[in-house]
PDB file of N, CA and C in Angstrom:
ATOM      1  N   UNK A   1       0.669  18.309 -24.126  1.00  0.00           N
ATOM      2  CA  UNK A   1      -0.109  17.151 -24.509  1.00  0.00           C
ATOM      3  C   UNK A   1      -0.612  16.457 -23.237  1.00  0.00           C
ATOM      4  N   UNK A   2      -1.888  16.158 -23.197  1.00  0.00           N
ATOM      5  CA  UNK A   2      -2.456  15.447 -22.059  1.00  0.00           C
ATOM      6  C   UNK A   2      -2.162  13.957 -22.138  1.00  0.00           C
ATOM      7  N   UNK A   3      -1.967  13.365 -20.989  1.00  0.00           N
ATOM      8  CA  UNK A   3      -1.796  11.925 -20.881  1.00  0.00           C
ATOM      9  C   UNK A   3      -2.820  11.401 -19.893  1.00  0.00           C
ATOM     10  N   UNK A   4      -3.181  10.166 -20.041  1.00  0.00           N
ATOM     11  CA  UNK A   4      -4.192   9.558 -19.197  1.00  0.00           C
ATOM     12  C   UNK A   4      -3.643   8.310 -18.521  1.00  0.00           C
ATOM     13  N   UNK A   5      -4.072   8.103 -17.291  1.00  0.00           N
ATOM     14  CA  UNK A   5      -3.890   6.836 -16.606  1.00  0.00           C
ATOM     15  C   UNK A   5      -5.266   6.217 -16.598  1.00  0.00           C
ATOM     16  N   UNK A   6      -5.353   4.933 -16.912  1.00  0.00           N
ATOM     17  CA  UNK A   6      -6.665   4.309 -17.032  1.00  0.00           C
ATOM     18  C   UNK A   6      -6.677   2.939 -16.378  1.00  0.00           C
ATOM     19  N   UNK A   7      -7.877   2.525 -16.017  1.00  0.00           N
ATOM     20  CA  UNK A   7      -8.099   1.170 -15.533  1.00  0.00           C
ATOM     21  C   UNK A   7      -9.191   0.579 -16.403  1.00  0.00           C
ATOM     22  N   UNK A   8      -8.909  -0.572 -16.991  1.00  0.00           N
ATOM     23  CA  UNK A   8      -9.917  -1.295 -17.743  1.00  0.00           C
ATOM     24  C   UNK A   8     -10.250  -2.571 -16.985  1.00  0.00           C
ATOM     25  N   UNK A   9     -11.448  -3.066 -17.196  1.00  0.00           N
ATOM     26  CA  UNK A   9     -11.870  -4.265 -16.486  1.00  0.00           C
ATOM     27  C   UNK A   9     -12.600  -5.227 -17.396  1.00  0.00           C
ATOM     28  N   UNK A  10     -12.607  -6.490 -17.006  1.00  0.00           N
ATOM     29  CA  UNK A  10     -13.307  -7.527 -17.742  1.00  0.00           C
ATOM     30  C   UNK A  10     -13.788  -8.595 -16.771  1.00  0.00           C
ATOM     31  N   UNK A  11     -14.837  -9.293 -17.164  1.00  0.00           N
ATOM     32  CA  UNK A  11     -15.304 -10.462 -16.416  1.00  0.00           C
ATOM     33  C   UNK A  11     -15.498 -11.550 -17.457  1.00  0.00           C
ATOM     34  N   UNK A  12     -14.505 -12.417 -17.582  1.00  0.00           N
ATOM     35  CA  UNK A  12     -14.509 -13.421 -18.640  1.00  0.00           C
ATOM     36  C   UNK A  12     -15.042 -14.774 -18.194  1.00  0.00           C
ATOM     37  N   UNK A  13     -15.752 -14.808 -17.066  1.00  0.00           N
ATOM     38  CA  UNK A  13     -16.270 -16.074 -16.568  1.00  0.00           C
ATOM     39  C   UNK A  13     -15.313 -16.774 -15.618  1.00  0.00           C
ATOM     40  N   UNK A  14     -14.052 -16.409 -15.674  1.00  0.00           N
ATOM     41  CA  UNK A  14     -13.035 -16.977 -14.785  1.00  0.00           C
ATOM     42  C   UNK A  14     -12.771 -16.041 -13.604  1.00  0.00           C
ATOM     43  N   UNK A  15     -13.478 -14.945 -13.582  1.00  0.00           N
ATOM     44  CA  UNK A  15     -13.288 -13.949 -12.540  1.00  0.00           C
ATOM     45  C   UNK A  15     -13.046 -12.585 -13.133  1.00  0.00           C
ATOM     46  N   UNK A  16     -13.165 -11.604 -12.309  1.00  0.00           N
ATOM     47  CA  UNK A  16     -12.957 -10.231 -12.764  1.00  0.00           C
ATOM     48  C   UNK A  16     -11.481  -9.892 -12.750  1.00  0.00           C
ATOM     49  N   UNK A  17     -11.078  -9.152 -13.762  1.00  0.00           N
ATOM     50  CA  UNK A  17      -9.685  -8.731 -13.889  1.00  0.00           C
ATOM     51  C   UNK A  17      -9.653  -7.244 -14.191  1.00  0.00           C
ATOM     52  N   UNK A  18      -8.564  -6.617 -13.772  1.00  0.00           N
ATOM     53  CA  UNK A  18      -8.343  -5.220 -14.123  1.00  0.00           C
ATOM     54  C   UNK A  18      -6.944  -5.082 -14.702  1.00  0.00           C
ATOM     55  N   UNK A  19      -6.760  -4.025 -15.459  1.00  0.00           N
ATOM     56  CA  UNK A  19      -5.457  -3.705 -16.043  1.00  0.00           C
ATOM     57  C   UNK A  19      -5.275  -2.200 -15.938  1.00  0.00           C
ATOM     58  N   UNK A  20      -4.107  -1.759 -15.531  1.00  0.00           N
ATOM     59  CA  UNK A  20      -3.790  -0.338 -15.394  1.00  0.00           C
ATOM     60  C   UNK A  20      -2.740   0.031 -16.435  1.00  0.00           C
ATOM     61  N   UNK A  21      -2.939   1.146 -17.110  1.00  0.00           N
ATOM     62  CA  UNK A  21      -1.972   1.610 -18.096  1.00  0.00           C
ATOM     63  C   UNK A  21      -2.015   3.118 -18.236  1.00  0.00           C
ATOM     64  N   UNK A  22      -1.193   3.643 -19.143  1.00  0.00           N
ATOM     65  CA  UNK A  22      -1.215   5.070 -19.442  1.00  0.00           C
ATOM     66  C   UNK A  22      -1.142   5.236 -20.953  1.00  0.00           C
ATOM     67  N   UNK A  23      -1.649   6.352 -21.445  1.00  0.00           N
ATOM     68  CA  UNK A  23      -1.673   6.620 -22.876  1.00  0.00           C
ATOM     69  C   UNK A  23      -1.896   8.104 -23.113  1.00  0.00           C
ATOM     70  N   UNK A  24      -1.690   8.551 -24.347  1.00  0.00           N
ATOM     71  CA  UNK A  24      -2.063   9.917 -24.703  1.00  0.00           C
ATOM     72  C   UNK A  24      -3.324   9.940 -25.566  1.00  0.00           C
ATOM     73  N   UNK A  25      -3.861   8.754 -25.908  1.00  0.00           N
ATOM     74  CA  UNK A  25      -5.119   8.667 -26.654  1.00  0.00           C
ATOM     75  C   UNK A  25      -5.944   7.525 -26.051  1.00  0.00           C
ATOM     76  N   UNK A  26      -6.808   7.870 -25.150  1.00  0.00           N
ATOM     77  CA  UNK A  26      -7.537   6.885 -24.357  1.00  0.00           C
ATOM     78  C   UNK A  26      -8.434   5.983 -25.206  1.00  0.00           C
ATOM     79  N   UNK A  27      -9.201   6.565 -26.109  1.00  0.00           N
ATOM     80  CA  UNK A  27     -10.131   5.767 -26.924  1.00  0.00           C
ATOM     81  C   UNK A  27      -9.398   4.754 -27.793  1.00  0.00           C
ATOM     82  N   UNK A  28      -8.338   5.198 -28.468  1.00  0.00           N
ATOM     83  CA  UNK A  28      -7.588   4.283 -29.326  1.00  0.00           C
ATOM     84  C   UNK A  28      -6.911   3.182 -28.523  1.00  0.00           C
ATOM     85  N   UNK A  29      -6.457   3.511 -27.323  1.00  0.00           N
ATOM     86  CA  UNK A  29      -5.765   2.506 -26.507  1.00  0.00           C
ATOM     87  C   UNK A  29      -6.714   1.401 -26.073  1.00  0.00           C
ATOM     88  N   UNK A  30      -7.925   1.759 -25.659  1.00  0.00           N
ATOM     89  CA  UNK A  30      -8.905   0.742 -25.275  1.00  0.00           C
ATOM     90  C   UNK A  30      -9.278  -0.099 -26.493  1.00  0.00           C
ATOM     91  N   UNK A  31      -9.412   0.538 -27.654  1.00  0.00           N
ATOM     92  CA  UNK A  31      -9.690  -0.203 -28.890  1.00  0.00           C
ATOM     93  C   UNK A  31      -8.585  -1.210 -29.178  1.00  0.00           C
ATOM     94  N   UNK A  32      -7.340  -0.822 -28.969  1.00  0.00           N
ATOM     95  CA  UNK A  32      -6.207  -1.732 -29.216  1.00  0.00           C
ATOM     96  C   UNK A  32      -6.234  -2.921 -28.263  1.00  0.00           C
ATOM     97  N   UNK A  33      -6.574  -2.666 -27.000  1.00  0.00           N
ATOM     98  CA  UNK A  33      -6.690  -3.781 -26.053  1.00  0.00           C
ATOM     99  C   UNK A  33      -7.758  -4.772 -26.533  1.00  0.00           C
ATOM    100  N   UNK A  34      -8.892  -4.257 -26.970  1.00  0.00           N
ATOM    101  CA  UNK A  34      -9.988  -5.126 -27.412  1.00  0.00           C
ATOM    102  C   UNK A  34      -9.708  -5.806 -28.743  1.00  0.00           C
ATOM    103  N   UNK A  35      -8.822  -5.223 -29.550  1.00  0.00           N
ATOM    104  CA  UNK A  35      -8.455  -5.824 -30.838  1.00  0.00           C
ATOM    105  C   UNK A  35      -7.361  -6.878 -30.678  1.00  0.00           C
ATOM    106  N   UNK A  36      -6.810  -6.992 -29.475  1.00  0.00           N
ATOM    107  CA  UNK A  36      -5.749  -7.974 -29.250  1.00  0.00           C
ATOM    108  C   UNK A  36      -4.363  -7.465 -29.559  1.00  0.00           C
ATOM    109  N   UNK A  37      -4.233  -6.155 -29.808  1.00  0.00           N
ATOM    110  CA  UNK A  37      -2.925  -5.590 -30.114  1.00  0.00           C
ATOM    111  C   UNK A  37      -2.398  -4.713 -28.986  1.00  0.00           C
ATOM    112  N   UNK A  38      -3.060  -4.765 -27.834  1.00  0.00           N
ATOM    113  CA  UNK A  38      -2.600  -4.019 -26.659  1.00  0.00           C
ATOM    114  C   UNK A  38      -1.577  -4.846 -25.904  1.00  0.00           C
ATOM    115  N   UNK A  39      -1.542  -4.678 -24.618  1.00  0.00           N
ATOM    116  CA  UNK A  39      -0.599  -5.422 -23.779  1.00  0.00           C
ATOM    117  C   UNK A  39      -0.872  -6.919 -23.865  1.00  0.00           C
ATOM    118  N   UNK A  40       0.169  -7.703 -23.780  1.00  0.00           N
ATOM    119  CA  UNK A  40       0.060  -9.154 -23.922  1.00  0.00           C
ATOM    120  C   UNK A  40      -0.932  -9.752 -22.916  1.00  0.00           C
ATOM    121  N   UNK A  41      -0.958  -9.242 -21.694  1.00  0.00           N
ATOM    122  CA  UNK A  41      -1.834  -9.797 -20.663  1.00  0.00           C
ATOM    123  C   UNK A  41      -3.307  -9.471 -20.882  1.00  0.00           C
ATOM    124  N   UNK A  42      -3.619  -8.578 -21.824  1.00  0.00           N
ATOM    125  CA  UNK A  42      -5.024  -8.221 -22.067  1.00  0.00           C
ATOM    126  C   UNK A  42      -5.604  -8.916 -23.297  1.00  0.00           C
ATOM    127  N   UNK A  43      -4.815  -9.671 -23.998  1.00  0.00           N
ATOM    128  CA  UNK A  43      -5.286 -10.292 -25.241  1.00  0.00           C
ATOM    129  C   UNK A  43      -6.317 -11.376 -24.986  1.00  0.00           C
ATOM    130  N   UNK A  44      -7.270 -11.489 -25.902  1.00  0.00           N
ATOM    131  CA  UNK A  44      -8.267 -12.546 -25.832  1.00  0.00           C
ATOM    132  C   UNK A  44      -9.454 -12.236 -24.941  1.00  0.00           C
ATOM    133  N   UNK A  45      -9.580 -10.989 -24.486  1.00  0.00           N
ATOM    134  CA  UNK A  45     -10.693 -10.596 -23.630  1.00  0.00           C
ATOM    135  C   UNK A  45     -11.280  -9.289 -24.137  1.00  0.00           C
ATOM    136  N   UNK A  46     -12.531  -9.034 -23.768  1.00  0.00           N
ATOM    137  CA  UNK A  46     -13.161  -7.757 -24.081  1.00  0.00           C
ATOM    138  C   UNK A  46     -13.113  -6.886 -22.831  1.00  0.00           C
ATOM    139  N   UNK A  47     -12.603  -5.686 -22.973  1.00  0.00           N
ATOM    140  CA  UNK A  47     -12.357  -4.781 -21.860  1.00  0.00           C
ATOM    141  C   UNK A  47     -13.260  -3.570 -21.923  1.00  0.00           C
ATOM    142  N   UNK A  48     -13.593  -3.050 -20.751  1.00  0.00           N
ATOM    143  CA  UNK A  48     -14.361  -1.811 -20.641  1.00  0.00           C
ATOM    144  C   UNK A  48     -13.564  -0.840 -19.789  1.00  0.00           C
ATOM    145  N   UNK A  49     -13.589   0.421 -20.187  1.00  0.00           N
ATOM    146  CA  UNK A  49     -12.942   1.460 -19.405  1.00  0.00           C
ATOM    147  C   UNK A  49     -13.747   1.671 -18.130  1.00  0.00           C
ATOM    148  N   UNK A  50     -13.100   1.546 -16.967  1.00  0.00           N
ATOM    149  CA  UNK A  50     -13.824   1.726 -15.710  1.00  0.00           C
ATOM    150  C   UNK A  50     -13.310   2.915 -14.896  1.00  0.00           C
ATOM    151  N   UNK A  51     -12.161   3.483 -15.291  1.00  0.00           N
ATOM    152  CA  UNK A  51     -11.626   4.618 -14.545  1.00  0.00           C
ATOM    153  C   UNK A  51     -10.538   5.296 -15.376  1.00  0.00           C
ATOM    154  N   UNK A  52     -10.468   6.617 -15.295  1.00  0.00           N
ATOM    155  CA  UNK A  52      -9.401   7.353 -15.987  1.00  0.00           C
ATOM    156  C   UNK A  52      -9.106   8.657 -15.255  1.00  0.00           C
ATOM    157  N   UNK A  53      -7.854   9.080 -15.320  1.00  0.00           N
ATOM    158  CA  UNK A  53      -7.394  10.355 -14.787  1.00  0.00           C
ATOM    159  C   UNK A  53      -6.556  11.030 -15.862  1.00  0.00           C
ATOM    160  N   UNK A  54      -6.633  12.368 -15.933  1.00  0.00           N
ATOM    161  CA  UNK A  54      -5.864  13.133 -16.923  1.00  0.00           C
ATOM    162  C   UNK A  54      -4.683  13.818 -16.232  1.00  0.00           C
ATOM    163  N   UNK A  55      -3.525  13.810 -16.907  1.00  0.00           N
ATOM    164  CA  UNK A  55      -2.318  14.473 -16.399  1.00  0.00           C
ATOM    165  C   UNK A  55      -1.716  15.323 -17.503  1.00  0.00           C
ATOM    166  N   UNK A  56      -0.974  16.335 -17.097  1.00  0.00           N
ATOM    167  CA  UNK A  56      -0.362  17.258 -18.061  1.00  0.00           C
ATOM    168  C   UNK A  56       0.892  16.694 -18.714  1.00  0.00           C
ATOM    169  N   UNK A  57       1.607  15.831 -17.995  1.00  0.00           N
ATOM    170  CA  UNK A  57       2.860  15.315 -18.544  1.00  0.00           C
ATOM    171  C   UNK A  57       2.889  13.789 -18.506  1.00  0.00           C
ATOM    172  N   UNK A  58       3.711  13.257 -19.355  1.00  0.00           N
ATOM    173  CA  UNK A  58       3.907  11.808 -19.410  1.00  0.00           C
ATOM    174  C   UNK A  58       4.480  11.284 -18.089  1.00  0.00           C
ATOM    175  N   UNK A  59       5.404  12.007 -17.507  1.00  0.00           N
ATOM    176  CA  UNK A  59       6.024  11.596 -16.255  1.00  0.00           C
ATOM    177  C   UNK A  59       5.021  11.484 -15.113  1.00  0.00           C
ATOM    178  N   UNK A  60       4.108  12.445 -15.033  1.00  0.00           N
ATOM    179  CA  UNK A  60       3.072  12.395 -14.000  1.00  0.00           C
ATOM    180  C   UNK A  60       2.179  11.174 -14.192  1.00  0.00           C
ATOM    181  N   UNK A  61       1.804  10.927 -15.438  1.00  0.00           N
ATOM    182  CA  UNK A  61       0.933   9.787 -15.740  1.00  0.00           C
ATOM    183  C   UNK A  61       1.634   8.467 -15.425  1.00  0.00           C
ATOM    184  N   UNK A  62       2.896   8.363 -15.789  1.00  0.00           N
ATOM    185  CA  UNK A  62       3.630   7.123 -15.532  1.00  0.00           C
ATOM    186  C   UNK A  62       3.815   6.885 -14.032  1.00  0.00           C
ATOM    187  N   UNK A  63       4.031   7.947 -13.283  1.00  0.00           N
ATOM    188  CA  UNK A  63       4.170   7.817 -11.836  1.00  0.00           C
ATOM    189  C   UNK A  63       2.859   7.344 -11.206  1.00  0.00           C
ATOM    190  N   UNK A  64       1.750   7.944 -11.630  1.00  0.00           N
ATOM    191  CA  UNK A  64       0.447   7.539 -11.099  1.00  0.00           C
ATOM    192  C   UNK A  64       0.126   6.101 -11.492  1.00  0.00           C
ATOM    193  N   UNK A  65       0.459   5.698 -12.724  1.00  0.00           N
ATOM    194  CA  UNK A  65       0.244   4.324 -13.164  1.00  0.00           C
ATOM    195  C   UNK A  65       0.989   3.359 -12.231  1.00  0.00           C
ATOM    196  N   UNK A  66       2.224   3.668 -11.912  1.00  0.00           N
ATOM    197  CA  UNK A  66       3.041   2.824 -11.046  1.00  0.00           C
ATOM    198  C   UNK A  66       2.348   2.634  -9.700  1.00  0.00           C
ATOM    199  N   UNK A  67       1.805   3.717  -9.146  1.00  0.00           N
ATOM    200  CA  UNK A  67       1.129   3.622  -7.851  1.00  0.00           C
ATOM    201  C   UNK A  67      -0.179   2.833  -7.944  1.00  0.00           C
ATOM    202  N   UNK A  68      -0.960   3.064  -8.989  1.00  0.00           N
ATOM    203  CA  UNK A  68      -2.230   2.345  -9.132  1.00  0.00           C
ATOM    204  C   UNK A  68      -2.020   0.851  -9.355  1.00  0.00           C
ATOM    205  N   UNK A  69      -0.964   0.480 -10.038  1.00  0.00           N
ATOM    206  CA  UNK A  69      -0.691  -0.943 -10.266  1.00  0.00           C
ATOM    207  C   UNK A  69      -0.430  -1.669  -8.953  1.00  0.00           C
ATOM    208  N   UNK A  70       0.044  -0.960  -7.973  1.00  0.00           N
ATOM    209  CA  UNK A  70       0.340  -1.566  -6.681  1.00  0.00           C
ATOM    210  C   UNK A  70      -0.804  -1.422  -5.672  1.00  0.00           C
ATOM    211  N   UNK A  71      -1.846  -0.698  -6.013  1.00  0.00           N
ATOM    212  CA  UNK A  71      -2.972  -0.445  -5.104  1.00  0.00           C
ATOM    213  C   UNK A  71      -4.136  -1.385  -5.435  1.00  0.00           C
ATOM    214  N   UNK A  72      -4.019  -2.615  -5.020  1.00  0.00           N
ATOM    215  CA  UNK A  72      -5.043  -3.618  -5.324  1.00  0.00           C
ATOM    216  C   UNK A  72      -6.378  -3.308  -4.660  1.00  0.00           C
ATOM    217  N   UNK A  73      -6.355  -2.690  -3.495  1.00  0.00           N
ATOM    218  CA  UNK A  73      -7.618  -2.375  -2.826  1.00  0.00           C
ATOM    219  C   UNK A  73      -8.428  -1.374  -3.652  1.00  0.00           C
ATOM    220  N   UNK A  74      -7.770  -0.403  -4.271  1.00  0.00           N
ATOM    221  CA  UNK A  74      -8.455   0.552  -5.135  1.00  0.00           C
ATOM    222  C   UNK A  74      -9.073  -0.165  -6.338  1.00  0.00           C
ATOM    223  N   UNK A  75      -8.320  -1.076  -6.926  1.00  0.00           N
ATOM    224  CA  UNK A  75      -8.815  -1.803  -8.097  1.00  0.00           C
ATOM    225  C   UNK A  75      -9.983  -2.714  -7.723  1.00  0.00           C
ATOM    226  N   UNK A  76      -9.984  -3.273  -6.511  1.00  0.00           N
ATOM    227  CA  UNK A  76     -11.110  -4.108  -6.057  1.00  0.00           C
ATOM    228  C   UNK A  76     -12.376  -3.266  -5.895  1.00  0.00           C
ATOM    229  N   UNK A  77     -12.219  -2.024  -5.459  1.00  0.00           N
ATOM    230  CA  UNK A  77     -13.366  -1.136  -5.328  1.00  0.00           C
ATOM    231  C   UNK A  77     -13.983  -0.872  -6.702  1.00  0.00           C
ATOM    232  N   UNK A  78     -13.139  -0.686  -7.702  1.00  0.00           N
ATOM    233  CA  UNK A  78     -13.625  -0.420  -9.062  1.00  0.00           C
ATOM    234  C   UNK A  78     -14.312  -1.623  -9.684  1.00  0.00           C
ATOM    235  N   UNK A  79     -13.813  -2.818  -9.413  1.00  0.00           N
ATOM    236  CA  UNK A  79     -14.358  -4.040 -10.012  1.00  0.00           C
ATOM    237  C   UNK A  79     -14.547  -5.080  -8.919  1.00  0.00           C
ATOM    238  N   UNK A  80     -15.572  -4.907  -8.068  1.00  0.00           N
ATOM    239  CA  UNK A  80     -15.765  -5.852  -6.959  1.00  0.00           C
ATOM    240  C   UNK A  80     -16.107  -7.260  -7.452  1.00  0.00           C
ATOM    241  N   UNK A  81     -15.743  -8.221  -6.646  1.00  0.00           N
ATOM    242  CA  UNK A  81     -16.031  -9.628  -6.985  1.00  0.00           C
ATOM    243  C   UNK A  81     -17.545  -9.859  -6.938  1.00  0.00           C
ATOM    244  N   UNK A  82     -18.057 -10.740  -7.800  1.00  0.00           N
ATOM    245  CA  UNK A  82     -19.489 -11.015  -7.808  1.00  0.00           C
ATOM    246  C   UNK A  82     -19.932 -11.650  -6.483  1.00  0.00           C
ATOM    247  N   UNK A  83     -21.199 -11.403  -6.151  1.00  0.00           N
ATOM    248  CA  UNK A  83     -21.733 -12.043  -4.971  1.00  0.00           C
ATOM    249  C   UNK A  83     -21.984 -11.092  -3.920  1.00  0.00           C
TER     250      UNK A  83
END
């Protein structure tokens, strides 16, 4: 079963935000974030998928997610600040 690591982004007028997660169904997971039933920190905003990687195992995906969550410079490249 394939697993995905993804980065979603939003610009809600208060600034740009990103969120990193992993899933085995990328489309449904983004839908859940936008429906308000995803992670607590993503509720109340509309999100767009801005980056994804595919992995063969859940462990690989979770490891990559852990690294991406700590790599703020990478996330800034994906969703640069306005101006």
